[in-house]
Amino acid sequence: MAGAAERPLSPHLQIYRPMLTMMMSIVHRITGVALYFGTALLVIWLLAAASSGQAFSTVNGLYGSWLGLLVLVGYSWALIHHALGGIRHFIWDTGAGFGPGPRELFAKLTIGGSVALTVVMWVVIWLVKG
């Protein structure tokens, strides 16, 4: 077409304004991928427990280091965040919560809830561990 304006066929990232629910969708996908790697850590721990006392002690020592604990806290947050995001999507699947108010509220509850539940879980772990 002669004289037609050169423009994108559909909106792209330079047009969209980042919204909380859009960022939550991206984080939900990222935490889903992170759970694959965290599950590998669980498998390594279980294999070590089934192998020998020395292997179990080695893995526990690694996971008990400051870096190991940081990874475990991150994994537990990803697990909780992904689960709460799944509940949010389940609610949406029922047809509820699509208004702007509820959508933003669910996103904020997912963020706050995942952080709060992760902190509570690790406080309980440290209290029980003694």
N, C-alpha and C. Protein backbone atom coordinates (compact mmCIF):
# COMPACT_ATOMS: atom_id res chain seq x y z
N MET A 1 0.84 -1.18 0.00
CA MET A 1 0.00 0.00 0.00
C MET A 1 0.88 1.24 0.00
N ALA A 2 0.73 2.01 -0.97
CA ALA A 2 1.52 3.23 -1.08
C ALA A 2 1.00 4.27 -0.09
N GLY A 3 1.92 4.88 0.64
CA GLY A 3 1.56 5.95 1.56
C GLY A 3 1.02 5.47 2.90
N ALA A 4 0.95 4.15 3.12
CA ALA A 4 0.46 3.64 4.40
C ALA A 4 1.48 3.93 5.50
N ALA A 5 0.98 4.28 6.66
CA ALA A 5 1.86 4.59 7.80
C ALA A 5 2.50 3.31 8.31
N GLU A 6 3.79 3.38 8.61
CA GLU A 6 4.50 2.25 9.20
C GLU A 6 4.21 2.25 10.70
N ARG A 7 3.51 1.26 11.16
CA ARG A 7 3.20 1.15 12.58
C ARG A 7 3.06 -0.32 12.95
N PRO A 8 3.18 -0.61 14.22
CA PRO A 8 3.06 -2.02 14.64
C PRO A 8 1.64 -2.53 14.39
N LEU A 9 1.55 -3.84 14.16
CA LEU A 9 0.25 -4.45 13.93
C LEU A 9 -0.55 -4.61 15.22
N SER A 10 0.13 -4.69 16.32
CA SER A 10 -0.55 -4.82 17.60
C SER A 10 0.25 -4.07 18.66
N PRO A 11 -0.38 -3.74 19.81
CA PRO A 11 0.36 -3.03 20.86
C PRO A 11 1.57 -3.84 21.32
N HIS A 12 2.60 -3.17 21.74
CA HIS A 12 3.82 -3.82 22.18
C HIS A 12 4.24 -3.23 23.53
N LEU A 13 5.38 -3.68 24.05
CA LEU A 13 5.80 -3.31 25.40
C LEU A 13 6.01 -1.81 25.59
N GLN A 14 6.30 -1.09 24.52
CA GLN A 14 6.50 0.36 24.67
C GLN A 14 5.19 1.10 24.86
N ILE A 15 4.08 0.45 24.60
CA ILE A 15 2.77 1.08 24.75
C ILE A 15 2.17 0.74 26.11
N TYR A 16 2.33 -0.50 26.55
CA TYR A 16 1.73 -0.94 27.81
C TYR A 16 2.40 -0.28 29.00
N ARG A 17 1.60 0.13 29.96
CA ARG A 17 2.11 0.63 31.24
C ARG A 17 2.13 -0.56 32.20
N PRO A 18 3.28 -0.85 32.80
CA PRO A 18 3.33 -2.01 33.72
C PRO A 18 2.30 -1.85 34.85
N MET A 19 1.51 -2.89 35.03
CA MET A 19 0.51 -2.91 36.10
C MET A 19 0.87 -4.02 37.07
N LEU A 20 0.37 -3.91 38.29
CA LEU A 20 0.69 -4.89 39.32
C LEU A 20 0.28 -6.29 38.89
N THR A 21 -0.90 -6.44 38.32
CA THR A 21 -1.34 -7.78 37.92
C THR A 21 -0.49 -8.35 36.79
N MET A 22 0.01 -7.49 35.91
CA MET A 22 0.89 -7.95 34.84
C MET A 22 2.21 -8.43 35.44
N MET A 23 2.75 -7.68 36.39
CA MET A 23 4.00 -8.09 37.05
C MET A 23 3.80 -9.39 37.83
N MET A 24 2.62 -9.53 38.46
CA MET A 24 2.33 -10.75 39.21
C MET A 24 2.28 -11.96 38.29
N SER A 25 1.76 -11.78 37.08
CA SER A 25 1.73 -12.88 36.12
C SER A 25 3.15 -13.30 35.74
N ILE A 26 4.01 -12.33 35.55
CA ILE A 26 5.40 -12.64 35.20
C ILE A 26 6.10 -13.34 36.37
N VAL A 27 5.90 -12.84 37.59
CA VAL A 27 6.51 -13.46 38.77
C VAL A 27 5.97 -14.87 38.99
N HIS A 28 4.68 -15.08 38.71
CA HIS A 28 4.09 -16.41 38.85
C HIS A 28 4.79 -17.41 37.92
N ARG A 29 5.09 -16.98 36.72
CA ARG A 29 5.79 -17.86 35.78
C ARG A 29 7.23 -18.11 36.23
N ILE A 30 7.89 -17.06 36.72
CA ILE A 30 9.27 -17.21 37.20
C ILE A 30 9.34 -18.14 38.40
N THR A 31 8.40 -17.99 39.34
CA THR A 31 8.41 -18.88 40.51
C THR A 31 8.12 -20.32 40.11
N GLY A 32 7.29 -20.50 39.08
CA GLY A 32 7.03 -21.86 38.58
C GLY A 32 8.30 -22.51 38.06
N VAL A 33 9.11 -21.75 37.34
CA VAL A 33 10.39 -22.27 36.84
C VAL A 33 11.35 -22.54 38.01
N ALA A 34 11.39 -21.62 38.98
CA ALA A 34 12.28 -21.77 40.13
C ALA A 34 11.93 -23.03 40.93
N LEU A 35 10.66 -23.40 40.94
CA LEU A 35 10.25 -24.59 41.69
C LEU A 35 10.84 -25.87 41.11
N TYR A 36 11.11 -25.89 39.81
CA TYR A 36 11.78 -27.05 39.23
C TYR A 36 13.16 -27.23 39.85
N PHE A 37 13.91 -26.14 39.98
CA PHE A 37 15.25 -26.23 40.56
C PHE A 37 15.19 -26.55 42.05
N GLY A 38 14.24 -25.97 42.75
CA GLY A 38 14.07 -26.26 44.17
C GLY A 38 13.69 -27.70 44.42
N THR A 39 12.89 -28.26 43.54
CA THR A 39 12.51 -29.66 43.67
C THR A 39 13.73 -30.57 43.49
N ALA A 40 14.65 -30.16 42.65
CA ALA A 40 15.90 -30.92 42.49
C ALA A 40 16.68 -30.94 43.81
N LEU A 41 16.65 -29.82 44.55
CA LEU A 41 17.30 -29.78 45.86
C LEU A 41 16.65 -30.76 46.83
N LEU A 42 15.34 -30.86 46.78
CA LEU A 42 14.62 -31.81 47.62
C LEU A 42 15.00 -33.25 47.25
N VAL A 43 15.09 -33.53 45.97
CA VAL A 43 15.47 -34.87 45.52
C VAL A 43 16.88 -35.21 45.98
N ILE A 44 17.80 -34.25 45.87
CA ILE A 44 19.18 -34.47 46.34
C ILE A 44 19.19 -34.79 47.83
N TRP A 45 18.41 -34.06 48.60
CA TRP A 45 18.34 -34.28 50.05
C TRP A 45 17.78 -35.67 50.35
N LEU A 46 16.72 -36.07 49.65
CA LEU A 46 16.14 -37.39 49.87
C LEU A 46 17.08 -38.51 49.45
N LEU A 47 17.78 -38.33 48.33
CA LEU A 47 18.76 -39.33 47.90
C LEU A 47 19.90 -39.45 48.91
N ALA A 48 20.34 -38.33 49.45
CA ALA A 48 21.40 -38.36 50.46
C ALA A 48 20.93 -39.09 51.71
N ALA A 49 19.67 -38.84 52.10
CA ALA A 49 19.12 -39.51 53.28
C ALA A 49 19.02 -41.02 53.06
N ALA A 50 18.72 -41.42 51.83
CA ALA A 50 18.58 -42.84 51.53
C ALA A 50 19.93 -43.51 51.29
N SER A 51 20.97 -42.72 51.02
CA SER A 51 22.28 -43.30 50.68
C SER A 51 23.09 -43.69 51.90
N SER A 52 23.48 -42.69 52.70
CA SER A 52 24.31 -42.97 53.86
C SER A 52 24.24 -41.79 54.83
N GLY A 53 24.67 -42.06 56.03
CA GLY A 53 24.73 -41.00 57.04
C GLY A 53 25.70 -39.90 56.65
N GLN A 54 26.80 -40.28 56.03
CA GLN A 54 27.80 -39.30 55.63
C GLN A 54 27.25 -38.39 54.52
N ALA A 55 26.58 -38.98 53.53
CA ALA A 55 26.00 -38.19 52.44
C ALA A 55 24.94 -37.24 52.99
N PHE A 56 24.13 -37.74 53.93
CA PHE A 56 23.09 -36.91 54.53
C PHE A 56 23.71 -35.75 55.32
N SER A 57 24.77 -36.03 56.07
CA SER A 57 25.45 -34.98 56.83
C SER A 57 26.06 -33.93 55.90
N THR A 58 26.61 -34.38 54.79
CA THR A 58 27.22 -33.45 53.83
C THR A 58 26.16 -32.52 53.24
N VAL A 59 25.03 -33.09 52.81
CA VAL A 59 23.97 -32.28 52.21
C VAL A 59 23.36 -31.36 53.27
N ASN A 60 23.15 -31.87 54.47
CA ASN A 60 22.61 -31.02 55.54
C ASN A 60 23.57 -29.88 55.87
N GLY A 61 24.86 -30.16 55.86
CA GLY A 61 25.84 -29.11 56.11
C GLY A 61 25.80 -28.04 55.03
N LEU A 62 25.66 -28.47 53.78
CA LEU A 62 25.58 -27.52 52.67
C LEU A 62 24.30 -26.69 52.76
N TYR A 63 23.18 -27.37 53.00
CA TYR A 63 21.90 -26.66 53.08
C TYR A 63 21.81 -25.79 54.34
N GLY A 64 22.58 -26.13 55.37
CA GLY A 64 22.58 -25.37 56.61
C GLY A 64 23.52 -24.17 56.60
N SER A 65 24.33 -24.04 55.54
CA SER A 65 25.22 -22.88 55.43
C SER A 65 24.37 -21.63 55.13
N TRP A 66 25.00 -20.46 55.27
CA TRP A 66 24.23 -19.24 55.03
C TRP A 66 23.71 -19.18 53.60
N LEU A 67 24.51 -19.66 52.63
CA LEU A 67 24.07 -19.66 51.23
C LEU A 67 22.94 -20.69 51.03
N GLY A 68 23.10 -21.85 51.64
CA GLY A 68 22.07 -22.88 51.54
C GLY A 68 20.75 -22.43 52.15
N LEU A 69 20.84 -21.77 53.31
CA LEU A 69 19.62 -21.26 53.95
C LEU A 69 18.97 -20.17 53.11
N LEU A 70 19.78 -19.34 52.50
CA LEU A 70 19.24 -18.29 51.62
C LEU A 70 18.49 -18.92 50.45
N VAL A 71 19.05 -19.97 49.86
CA VAL A 71 18.39 -20.66 48.77
C VAL A 71 17.11 -21.32 49.26
N LEU A 72 17.14 -21.94 50.43
CA LEU A 72 15.95 -22.60 50.97
C LEU A 72 14.84 -21.61 51.30
N VAL A 73 15.21 -20.45 51.83
CA VAL A 73 14.21 -19.41 52.11
C VAL A 73 13.61 -18.93 50.79
N GLY A 74 14.45 -18.72 49.79
CA GLY A 74 13.95 -18.31 48.48
C GLY A 74 13.04 -19.35 47.86
N TYR A 75 13.42 -20.62 48.00
CA TYR A 75 12.59 -21.71 47.47
C TYR A 75 11.25 -21.76 48.18
N SER A 76 11.27 -21.62 49.50
CA SER A 76 10.01 -21.68 50.24
C SER A 76 9.12 -20.48 49.88
N TRP A 77 9.72 -19.29 49.70
CA TRP A 77 8.92 -18.14 49.27
C TRP A 77 8.32 -18.39 47.89
N ALA A 78 9.13 -18.93 46.96
CA ALA A 78 8.62 -19.20 45.61
C ALA A 78 7.47 -20.20 45.65
N LEU A 79 7.60 -21.21 46.50
CA LEU A 79 6.54 -22.22 46.63
C LEU A 79 5.26 -21.60 47.16
N ILE A 80 5.37 -20.81 48.22
CA ILE A 80 4.19 -20.18 48.81
C ILE A 80 3.60 -19.15 47.86
N HIS A 81 4.44 -18.33 47.25
CA HIS A 81 3.95 -17.31 46.31
C HIS A 81 3.24 -17.95 45.12
N HIS A 82 3.81 -19.03 44.59
CA HIS A 82 3.21 -19.71 43.45
C HIS A 82 1.87 -20.34 43.85
N ALA A 83 1.81 -20.91 45.05
CA ALA A 83 0.56 -21.51 45.52
C ALA A 83 -0.53 -20.45 45.70
N LEU A 84 -0.18 -19.32 46.30
CA LEU A 84 -1.17 -18.25 46.47
C LEU A 84 -1.60 -17.68 45.12
N GLY A 85 -0.65 -17.59 44.18
CA GLY A 85 -1.00 -17.16 42.82
C GLY A 85 -1.94 -18.15 42.16
N GLY A 86 -1.74 -19.43 42.42
CA GLY A 86 -2.64 -20.45 41.89
C GLY A 86 -4.03 -20.33 42.46
N ILE A 87 -4.13 -20.02 43.75
CA ILE A 87 -5.44 -19.80 44.38
C ILE A 87 -6.12 -18.59 43.75
N ARG A 88 -5.33 -17.53 43.51
CA ARG A 88 -5.87 -16.32 42.87
C ARG A 88 -6.42 -16.67 41.49
N HIS A 89 -5.67 -17.46 40.72
CA HIS A 89 -6.14 -17.86 39.39
C HIS A 89 -7.36 -18.77 39.49
N PHE A 90 -7.42 -19.61 40.50
CA PHE A 90 -8.59 -20.47 40.68
C PHE A 90 -9.83 -19.63 40.95
N ILE A 91 -9.69 -18.60 41.77
CA ILE A 91 -10.82 -17.70 42.04
C ILE A 91 -11.26 -17.02 40.74
N TRP A 92 -10.29 -16.60 39.94
CA TRP A 92 -10.63 -15.99 38.66
C TRP A 92 -11.33 -16.99 37.74
N ASP A 93 -10.95 -18.27 37.83
CA ASP A 93 -11.58 -19.29 37.00
C ASP A 93 -13.06 -19.46 37.33
N THR A 94 -13.45 -19.10 38.54
CA THR A 94 -14.87 -19.17 38.91
C THR A 94 -15.64 -17.98 38.36
N GLY A 95 -14.93 -16.99 37.83
CA GLY A 95 -15.58 -15.80 37.29
C GLY A 95 -15.62 -14.65 38.28
N ALA A 96 -15.05 -14.84 39.46
CA ALA A 96 -15.08 -13.80 40.49
C ALA A 96 -13.78 -13.01 40.47
N GLY A 97 -13.83 -11.79 40.98
CA GLY A 97 -12.64 -11.00 41.22
C GLY A 97 -12.01 -10.34 40.01
N PHE A 98 -12.79 -10.10 38.95
CA PHE A 98 -12.22 -9.49 37.75
C PHE A 98 -12.29 -7.98 37.74
N GLY A 99 -13.00 -7.38 38.69
CA GLY A 99 -13.06 -5.92 38.73
C GLY A 99 -11.72 -5.34 39.10
N PRO A 100 -11.50 -4.06 38.79
CA PRO A 100 -10.20 -3.45 39.09
C PRO A 100 -9.83 -3.50 40.57
N GLY A 101 -10.79 -3.29 41.45
CA GLY A 101 -10.52 -3.32 42.89
C GLY A 101 -10.10 -4.70 43.37
N PRO A 102 -10.93 -5.72 43.13
CA PRO A 102 -10.56 -7.07 43.57
C PRO A 102 -9.27 -7.59 42.93
N ARG A 103 -9.06 -7.25 41.67
CA ARG A 103 -7.84 -7.70 40.98
C ARG A 103 -6.60 -7.17 41.68
N GLU A 104 -6.59 -5.90 41.99
CA GLU A 104 -5.45 -5.29 42.69
C GLU A 104 -5.33 -5.85 44.11
N LEU A 105 -6.46 -6.04 44.78
CA LEU A 105 -6.44 -6.58 46.14
C LEU A 105 -5.84 -7.98 46.16
N PHE A 106 -6.27 -8.84 45.23
CA PHE A 106 -5.72 -10.20 45.16
C PHE A 106 -4.23 -10.19 44.91
N ALA A 107 -3.77 -9.28 44.05
CA ALA A 107 -2.34 -9.19 43.77
C ALA A 107 -1.57 -8.76 45.03
N LYS A 108 -2.09 -7.78 45.73
CA LYS A 108 -1.42 -7.32 46.96
C LYS A 108 -1.46 -8.38 48.05
N LEU A 109 -2.58 -9.10 48.14
CA LEU A 109 -2.66 -10.18 49.13
C LEU A 109 -1.68 -11.31 48.80
N THR A 110 -1.48 -11.58 47.52
CA THR A 110 -0.53 -12.61 47.12
C THR A 110 0.89 -12.22 47.52
N ILE A 111 1.25 -10.97 47.28
CA ILE A 111 2.60 -10.50 47.65
C ILE A 111 2.76 -10.52 49.17
N GLY A 112 1.86 -9.84 49.86
CA GLY A 112 1.96 -9.75 51.32
C GLY A 112 1.84 -11.10 51.99
N GLY A 113 0.90 -11.91 51.51
CA GLY A 113 0.70 -13.23 52.09
C GLY A 113 1.90 -14.14 51.92
N SER A 114 2.52 -14.09 50.75
CA SER A 114 3.67 -14.96 50.52
C SER A 114 4.85 -14.55 51.39
N VAL A 115 5.07 -13.26 51.55
CA VAL A 115 6.17 -12.80 52.41
C VAL A 115 5.86 -13.14 53.86
N ALA A 116 4.65 -12.84 54.31
CA ALA A 116 4.28 -13.09 55.71
C ALA A 116 4.34 -14.59 56.04
N LEU A 117 3.78 -15.42 55.19
CA LEU A 117 3.79 -16.86 55.45
C LEU A 117 5.20 -17.44 55.43
N THR A 118 6.06 -16.91 54.56
CA THR A 118 7.45 -17.37 54.53
C THR A 118 8.15 -17.00 55.83
N VAL A 119 7.96 -15.77 56.29
CA VAL A 119 8.59 -15.34 57.55
C VAL A 119 8.07 -16.19 58.70
N VAL A 120 6.76 -16.39 58.78
CA VAL A 120 6.18 -17.20 59.86
C VAL A 120 6.73 -18.62 59.83
N MET A 121 6.81 -19.19 58.63
CA MET A 121 7.32 -20.56 58.51
C MET A 121 8.75 -20.67 59.02
N TRP A 122 9.61 -19.72 58.63
CA TRP A 122 11.00 -19.80 59.04
C TRP A 122 11.19 -19.45 60.52
N VAL A 123 10.36 -18.60 61.07
CA VAL A 123 10.42 -18.33 62.51
C VAL A 123 10.05 -19.60 63.27
N VAL A 124 9.01 -20.28 62.83
CA VAL A 124 8.61 -21.54 63.48
C VAL A 124 9.73 -22.58 63.34
N ILE A 125 10.34 -22.67 62.18
CA ILE A 125 11.46 -23.62 61.99
C ILE A 125 12.58 -23.34 62.97
N TRP A 126 12.96 -22.05 63.11
CA TRP A 126 14.05 -21.70 64.02
C TRP A 126 13.66 -21.93 65.48
N LEU A 127 12.40 -21.70 65.83
CA LEU A 127 11.96 -21.92 67.22
C LEU A 127 11.94 -23.41 67.54
N VAL A 128 11.48 -24.23 66.62
CA VAL A 128 11.41 -25.67 66.84
C VAL A 128 12.83 -26.27 66.85
N LYS A 129 13.68 -25.75 65.96
CA LYS A 129 15.05 -26.23 65.88
C LYS A 129 15.80 -25.96 67.18
N GLY A 130 15.43 -24.89 67.85
CA GLY A 130 15.97 -24.60 69.15
C GLY A 130 17.24 -23.86 69.15
